[in-house]
Amino acid sequence: MALLLPVVLLGLFYVFLILPKQRELKRHNALVATLEVGDEVMTGSGFYGTLTEVTDDAVLIELAPGLEVKLARKAVAAKILARPDEVDVTDGTTDDEVLEDETVEDETVDDGALEDEAVDHEADQ
């Protein structure tokens, strides 16, 4: 019975501290393995840039036009995914056309009620 408490504590220690760190390390290693020239990335120190050269142990990141920095490959913290407005639409429609096709029921707002509320708020002050 006296041996049960330390075993349970070691098990909880492993589940809550070691496993999450191992998962994060695997995720980061997978990210680093998929780096390619042209990827938008963020470094561990918070710099955003575009990869211009990728080697086995280092990357060259263009932070601004004409400003490149060489970093360890593991220093890349994240890939920056394309924003929705930058994604190409394959069927030839523009983002505006896609938004026009979607029908959304709009709730009408009574402007008079908003003005009355603003007047009431001004009177309270």
N, C-alpha and C. Protein backbone atom coordinates (compact mmCIF):
# COMPACT_ATOMS: atom_id res chain seq x y z
N MET A 1 0.82 -1.20 0.00
CA MET A 1 0.00 0.00 0.00
C MET A 1 0.86 1.27 0.00
N ALA A 2 1.97 1.20 0.70
CA ALA A 2 2.86 2.37 0.77
C ALA A 2 3.54 2.62 -0.57
N LEU A 3 3.66 1.59 -1.38
CA LEU A 3 4.30 1.73 -2.69
C LEU A 3 3.32 2.27 -3.74
N LEU A 4 2.04 2.16 -3.47
CA LEU A 4 1.02 2.59 -4.43
C LEU A 4 1.02 4.11 -4.65
N LEU A 5 1.17 4.90 -3.62
CA LEU A 5 1.15 6.36 -3.75
C LEU A 5 2.29 6.88 -4.63
N PRO A 6 3.53 6.47 -4.45
CA PRO A 6 4.60 6.95 -5.35
C PRO A 6 4.40 6.52 -6.80
N VAL A 7 3.87 5.34 -7.02
CA VAL A 7 3.62 4.86 -8.38
C VAL A 7 2.54 5.72 -9.04
N VAL A 8 1.49 6.02 -8.32
CA VAL A 8 0.42 6.86 -8.86
C VAL A 8 0.95 8.27 -9.14
N LEU A 9 1.75 8.82 -8.24
CA LEU A 9 2.32 10.15 -8.44
C LEU A 9 3.25 10.17 -9.65
N LEU A 10 4.05 9.15 -9.83
CA LEU A 10 4.91 9.07 -11.01
C LEU A 10 4.09 8.96 -12.29
N GLY A 11 3.01 8.20 -12.25
CA GLY A 11 2.13 8.08 -13.41
C GLY A 11 1.49 9.42 -13.77
N LEU A 12 1.00 10.14 -12.78
CA LEU A 12 0.42 11.46 -13.02
C LEU A 12 1.47 12.45 -13.53
N PHE A 13 2.67 12.39 -12.97
CA PHE A 13 3.76 13.24 -13.42
C PHE A 13 4.05 12.99 -14.89
N TYR A 14 4.08 11.73 -15.29
CA TYR A 14 4.36 11.38 -16.68
C TYR A 14 3.24 11.88 -17.60
N VAL A 15 2.00 11.66 -17.21
CA VAL A 15 0.86 12.02 -18.06
C VAL A 15 0.72 13.53 -18.22
N PHE A 16 0.92 14.29 -17.15
CA PHE A 16 0.68 15.72 -17.22
C PHE A 16 1.91 16.56 -17.59
N LEU A 17 3.10 16.04 -17.42
CA LEU A 17 4.28 16.84 -17.72
C LEU A 17 5.11 16.32 -18.90
N ILE A 18 5.33 15.05 -18.96
CA ILE A 18 6.23 14.50 -19.98
C ILE A 18 5.52 14.28 -21.31
N LEU A 19 4.35 13.68 -21.32
CA LEU A 19 3.64 13.41 -22.57
C LEU A 19 3.33 14.67 -23.39
N PRO A 20 2.82 15.75 -22.79
CA PRO A 20 2.57 16.95 -23.60
C PRO A 20 3.85 17.52 -24.21
N LYS A 21 4.95 17.47 -23.49
CA LYS A 21 6.21 17.99 -24.02
C LYS A 21 6.69 17.12 -25.19
N GLN A 22 6.52 15.81 -25.09
CA GLN A 22 6.90 14.91 -26.19
C GLN A 22 6.04 15.17 -27.43
N ARG A 23 4.75 15.39 -27.23
CA ARG A 23 3.86 15.69 -28.36
C ARG A 23 4.26 16.99 -29.05
N GLU A 24 4.57 18.01 -28.26
CA GLU A 24 4.98 19.29 -28.82
C GLU A 24 6.30 19.15 -29.58
N LEU A 25 7.23 18.37 -29.06
CA LEU A 25 8.51 18.14 -29.74
C LEU A 25 8.30 17.42 -31.07
N LYS A 26 7.42 16.43 -31.11
CA LYS A 26 7.11 15.73 -32.36
C LYS A 26 6.48 16.67 -33.37
N ARG A 27 5.55 17.52 -32.92
CA ARG A 27 4.90 18.48 -33.80
C ARG A 27 5.92 19.46 -34.39
N HIS A 28 6.82 19.95 -33.55
CA HIS A 28 7.83 20.90 -34.02
C HIS A 28 8.80 20.24 -34.99
N ASN A 29 9.22 19.02 -34.70
CA ASN A 29 10.12 18.30 -35.62
C ASN A 29 9.46 18.05 -36.97
N ALA A 30 8.16 17.75 -36.96
CA ALA A 30 7.44 17.55 -38.22
C ALA A 30 7.36 18.87 -39.00
N LEU A 31 7.15 19.97 -38.30
CA LEU A 31 7.11 21.28 -38.94
C LEU A 31 8.46 21.61 -39.57
N VAL A 32 9.52 21.41 -38.83
CA VAL A 32 10.86 21.73 -39.32
C VAL A 32 11.21 20.86 -40.54
N ALA A 33 10.74 19.62 -40.55
CA ALA A 33 11.02 18.73 -41.67
C ALA A 33 10.31 19.15 -42.95
N THR A 34 9.22 19.90 -42.84
CA THR A 34 8.45 20.27 -44.03
C THR A 34 8.78 21.67 -44.55
N LEU A 35 9.79 22.32 -44.01
CA LEU A 35 10.13 23.68 -44.46
C LEU A 35 10.62 23.66 -45.90
N GLU A 36 10.13 24.61 -46.69
CA GLU A 36 10.52 24.74 -48.09
C GLU A 36 10.77 26.20 -48.42
N VAL A 37 11.54 26.43 -49.46
CA VAL A 37 11.80 27.79 -49.92
C VAL A 37 10.47 28.43 -50.32
N GLY A 38 10.27 29.67 -49.88
CA GLY A 38 9.03 30.39 -50.19
C GLY A 38 8.00 30.36 -49.09
N ASP A 39 8.20 29.53 -48.08
CA ASP A 39 7.25 29.47 -46.96
C ASP A 39 7.34 30.74 -46.13
N GLU A 40 6.17 31.23 -45.71
CA GLU A 40 6.11 32.33 -44.75
C GLU A 40 6.23 31.71 -43.36
N VAL A 41 7.17 32.19 -42.55
CA VAL A 41 7.41 31.60 -41.24
C VAL A 41 7.54 32.66 -40.17
N MET A 42 7.42 32.21 -38.92
CA MET A 42 7.71 33.03 -37.76
C MET A 42 8.79 32.33 -36.97
N THR A 43 9.80 33.06 -36.57
CA THR A 43 10.88 32.47 -35.78
C THR A 43 10.47 32.41 -34.32
N GLY A 44 11.26 31.72 -33.53
CA GLY A 44 11.00 31.63 -32.10
C GLY A 44 11.08 32.97 -31.41
N SER A 45 11.84 33.90 -31.97
CA SER A 45 11.97 35.22 -31.37
C SER A 45 10.92 36.21 -31.88
N GLY A 46 10.03 35.75 -32.77
CA GLY A 46 8.92 36.58 -33.21
C GLY A 46 9.12 37.30 -34.52
N PHE A 47 10.19 37.02 -35.25
CA PHE A 47 10.40 37.65 -36.55
C PHE A 47 9.60 36.91 -37.61
N TYR A 48 8.95 37.66 -38.49
CA TYR A 48 8.20 37.09 -39.61
C TYR A 48 9.01 37.31 -40.88
N GLY A 49 9.03 36.29 -41.74
CA GLY A 49 9.75 36.43 -42.99
C GLY A 49 9.46 35.29 -43.93
N THR A 50 10.17 35.30 -45.06
CA THR A 50 10.00 34.29 -46.11
C THR A 50 11.31 33.51 -46.24
N LEU A 51 11.20 32.20 -46.31
CA LEU A 51 12.40 31.38 -46.47
C LEU A 51 12.94 31.54 -47.88
N THR A 52 14.24 31.85 -47.98
CA THR A 52 14.88 31.98 -49.29
C THR A 52 15.86 30.85 -49.55
N GLU A 53 16.30 30.17 -48.49
CA GLU A 53 17.22 29.04 -48.64
C GLU A 53 17.02 28.11 -47.45
N VAL A 54 16.99 26.82 -47.73
CA VAL A 54 16.82 25.83 -46.67
C VAL A 54 17.91 24.78 -46.84
N THR A 55 18.71 24.57 -45.79
CA THR A 55 19.72 23.51 -45.80
C THR A 55 19.38 22.52 -44.69
N ASP A 56 20.26 21.55 -44.48
CA ASP A 56 19.99 20.52 -43.47
C ASP A 56 19.88 21.08 -42.06
N ASP A 57 20.71 22.07 -41.73
CA ASP A 57 20.72 22.57 -40.36
C ASP A 57 20.47 24.06 -40.23
N ALA A 58 20.28 24.78 -41.33
CA ALA A 58 20.08 26.23 -41.26
C ALA A 58 19.08 26.67 -42.33
N VAL A 59 18.52 27.85 -42.10
CA VAL A 59 17.61 28.47 -43.07
C VAL A 59 18.02 29.93 -43.24
N LEU A 60 17.74 30.47 -44.41
CA LEU A 60 17.95 31.88 -44.69
C LEU A 60 16.58 32.51 -44.83
N ILE A 61 16.29 33.50 -43.97
CA ILE A 61 14.97 34.12 -43.94
C ILE A 61 15.09 35.57 -44.39
N GLU A 62 14.25 35.96 -45.36
CA GLU A 62 14.20 37.35 -45.79
C GLU A 62 13.16 38.06 -44.93
N LEU A 63 13.65 38.96 -44.06
CA LEU A 63 12.76 39.69 -43.16
C LEU A 63 12.17 40.92 -43.83
N ALA A 64 12.94 41.55 -44.69
CA ALA A 64 12.52 42.72 -45.45
C ALA A 64 13.27 42.67 -46.77
N PRO A 65 12.83 43.40 -47.78
CA PRO A 65 13.55 43.37 -49.05
C PRO A 65 15.03 43.74 -48.85
N GLY A 66 15.89 42.82 -49.21
CA GLY A 66 17.32 43.03 -49.08
C GLY A 66 17.90 42.70 -47.72
N LEU A 67 17.08 42.25 -46.77
CA LEU A 67 17.56 41.91 -45.43
C LEU A 67 17.30 40.42 -45.17
N GLU A 68 18.37 39.64 -45.19
CA GLU A 68 18.25 38.20 -44.95
C GLU A 68 19.03 37.84 -43.70
N VAL A 69 18.49 36.89 -42.95
CA VAL A 69 19.09 36.44 -41.72
C VAL A 69 19.22 34.93 -41.77
N LYS A 70 20.40 34.42 -41.36
CA LYS A 70 20.61 32.98 -41.31
C LYS A 70 20.35 32.51 -39.89
N LEU A 71 19.48 31.50 -39.76
CA LEU A 71 19.10 30.96 -38.45
C LEU A 71 19.20 29.45 -38.47
N ALA A 72 19.29 28.86 -37.30
CA ALA A 72 19.21 27.42 -37.17
C ALA A 72 17.81 26.99 -37.61
N ARG A 73 17.73 25.86 -38.26
CA ARG A 73 16.44 25.37 -38.77
C ARG A 73 15.43 25.18 -37.64
N LYS A 74 15.90 24.76 -36.47
CA LYS A 74 15.01 24.53 -35.33
C LYS A 74 14.49 25.83 -34.73
N ALA A 75 15.05 26.99 -35.15
CA ALA A 75 14.60 28.28 -34.62
C ALA A 75 13.29 28.72 -35.24
N VAL A 76 12.84 28.05 -36.29
CA VAL A 76 11.55 28.37 -36.90
C VAL A 76 10.45 27.80 -36.01
N ALA A 77 9.58 28.69 -35.53
CA ALA A 77 8.55 28.27 -34.59
C ALA A 77 7.25 27.86 -35.28
N ALA A 78 6.91 28.52 -36.39
CA ALA A 78 5.63 28.23 -37.02
C ALA A 78 5.64 28.66 -38.48
N LYS A 79 4.82 27.97 -39.28
CA LYS A 79 4.54 28.41 -40.64
C LYS A 79 3.31 29.30 -40.59
N ILE A 80 3.34 30.35 -41.39
CA ILE A 80 2.20 31.25 -41.47
C ILE A 80 1.34 30.78 -42.65
N LEU A 81 0.12 30.40 -42.36
CA LEU A 81 -0.78 29.92 -43.39
C LEU A 81 -1.35 31.10 -44.16
N ALA A 82 -1.71 30.86 -45.41
CA ALA A 82 -2.29 31.91 -46.25
C ALA A 82 -3.60 32.38 -45.66
N ARG A 83 -3.85 33.69 -45.70
CA ARG A 83 -5.11 34.23 -45.24
C ARG A 83 -6.19 33.87 -46.25
N PRO A 84 -7.44 33.79 -45.82
CA PRO A 84 -8.52 33.41 -46.74
C PRO A 84 -8.63 34.30 -47.96
N ASP A 85 -8.30 35.60 -47.83
CA ASP A 85 -8.42 36.49 -48.99
C ASP A 85 -7.27 36.30 -49.98
N GLU A 86 -6.23 35.53 -49.58
CA GLU A 86 -5.11 35.27 -50.47
C GLU A 86 -5.23 33.93 -51.19
N VAL A 87 -6.16 33.09 -50.77
CA VAL A 87 -6.31 31.76 -51.34
C VAL A 87 -6.95 31.88 -52.72
N ASP A 88 -6.38 31.18 -53.71
CA ASP A 88 -6.93 31.20 -55.06
C ASP A 88 -8.22 30.38 -55.12
N VAL A 89 -9.19 30.90 -55.81
CA VAL A 89 -10.44 30.18 -56.03
C VAL A 89 -10.30 29.46 -57.36
N THR A 90 -10.46 28.14 -57.37
CA THR A 90 -10.19 27.37 -58.58
C THR A 90 -11.30 27.43 -59.61
N ASP A 91 -12.52 27.83 -59.21
CA ASP A 91 -13.61 27.82 -60.20
C ASP A 91 -13.76 29.15 -60.93
N GLY A 92 -12.85 30.09 -60.69
CA GLY A 92 -12.86 31.35 -61.43
C GLY A 92 -13.68 32.45 -60.80
N THR A 93 -14.34 32.18 -59.68
CA THR A 93 -15.12 33.23 -59.04
C THR A 93 -14.23 33.99 -58.07
N THR A 94 -14.56 35.25 -57.87
CA THR A 94 -13.81 36.06 -56.92
C THR A 94 -14.43 35.91 -55.54
N ASP A 95 -13.72 36.40 -54.53
CA ASP A 95 -14.24 36.33 -53.17
C ASP A 95 -15.55 37.09 -53.05
N ASP A 96 -15.67 38.24 -53.75
CA ASP A 96 -16.90 39.02 -53.69
C ASP A 96 -18.07 38.25 -54.27
N GLU A 97 -17.83 37.53 -55.37
CA GLU A 97 -18.90 36.76 -55.99
C GLU A 97 -19.34 35.63 -55.07
N VAL A 98 -18.39 35.02 -54.39
CA VAL A 98 -18.74 33.94 -53.46
C VAL A 98 -19.59 34.49 -52.34
N LEU A 99 -19.24 35.66 -51.80
CA LEU A 99 -20.01 36.25 -50.73
C LEU A 99 -21.40 36.65 -51.19
N GLU A 100 -21.53 37.11 -52.45
CA GLU A 100 -22.84 37.49 -52.96
C GLU A 100 -23.74 36.27 -53.13
N ASP A 101 -23.16 35.11 -53.44
CA ASP A 101 -23.96 33.91 -53.64
C ASP A 101 -24.54 33.38 -52.35
N GLU A 102 -23.86 33.62 -51.24
CA GLU A 102 -24.34 33.12 -49.96
C GLU A 102 -25.45 34.05 -49.48
N THR A 103 -26.58 33.47 -49.17
CA THR A 103 -27.69 34.29 -48.69
C THR A 103 -27.71 34.23 -47.17
N VAL A 104 -27.74 35.39 -46.57
CA VAL A 104 -27.80 35.50 -45.12
C VAL A 104 -28.96 36.40 -44.79
N GLU A 105 -29.78 35.95 -43.88
CA GLU A 105 -30.92 36.76 -43.48
C GLU A 105 -30.41 37.87 -42.57
N ASP A 106 -30.64 39.11 -42.98
CA ASP A 106 -30.21 40.26 -42.19
C ASP A 106 -31.35 40.68 -41.28
N GLU A 107 -31.00 41.02 -40.04
CA GLU A 107 -31.98 41.58 -39.14
C GLU A 107 -31.93 43.09 -39.31
N THR A 108 -33.09 43.69 -39.53
CA THR A 108 -33.10 45.14 -39.70
C THR A 108 -32.98 45.79 -38.34
N VAL A 109 -32.26 46.89 -38.32
CA VAL A 109 -32.03 47.61 -37.07
C VAL A 109 -32.85 48.89 -37.12
N ASP A 110 -33.56 49.15 -36.07
CA ASP A 110 -34.37 50.36 -35.97
C ASP A 110 -33.45 51.50 -35.54
N ASP A 111 -33.08 52.37 -36.50
CA ASP A 111 -32.17 53.48 -36.20
C ASP A 111 -32.78 54.44 -35.18
N GLY A 112 -34.09 54.59 -35.20
CA GLY A 112 -34.75 55.48 -34.26
C GLY A 112 -34.54 55.02 -32.83
N ALA A 113 -34.57 53.72 -32.61
CA ALA A 113 -34.37 53.19 -31.26
C ALA A 113 -32.95 53.45 -30.80
N LEU A 114 -31.99 53.35 -31.72
CA LEU A 114 -30.60 53.61 -31.36
C LEU A 114 -30.40 55.08 -31.01
N GLU A 115 -31.05 55.97 -31.78
CA GLU A 115 -30.92 57.40 -31.49
C GLU A 115 -31.56 57.73 -30.16
N ASP A 116 -32.74 57.14 -29.86
CA ASP A 116 -33.41 57.38 -28.58
C ASP A 116 -32.53 56.91 -27.43
N GLU A 117 -31.86 55.76 -27.62
CA GLU A 117 -30.99 55.22 -26.58
C GLU A 117 -29.80 56.14 -26.36
N ALA A 118 -29.24 56.70 -27.45
CA ALA A 118 -28.11 57.62 -27.33
C ALA A 118 -28.53 58.89 -26.61
N VAL A 119 -29.73 59.40 -26.89
CA VAL A 119 -30.22 60.59 -26.22
C VAL A 119 -30.42 60.31 -24.76
N ASP A 120 -31.00 59.16 -24.41
CA ASP A 120 -31.20 58.78 -23.01
C ASP A 120 -29.87 58.68 -22.28
N HIS A 121 -28.86 58.13 -22.96
CA HIS A 121 -27.54 57.95 -22.35
C HIS A 121 -26.91 59.32 -22.10
N GLU A 122 -27.08 60.27 -23.04
CA GLU A 122 -26.52 61.61 -22.86
C GLU A 122 -27.23 62.33 -21.71
N ALA A 123 -28.53 62.11 -21.58
CA ALA A 123 -29.28 62.76 -20.52
C ALA A 123 -28.87 62.24 -19.15
N ASP A 124 -28.47 60.96 -19.08
CA ASP A 124 -28.05 60.37 -17.80
C ASP A 124 -26.74 60.96 -17.32
N GLN A 125 -25.91 61.42 -18.23
CA GLN A 125 -24.59 61.94 -17.84
C GLN A 125 -24.72 63.32 -17.46
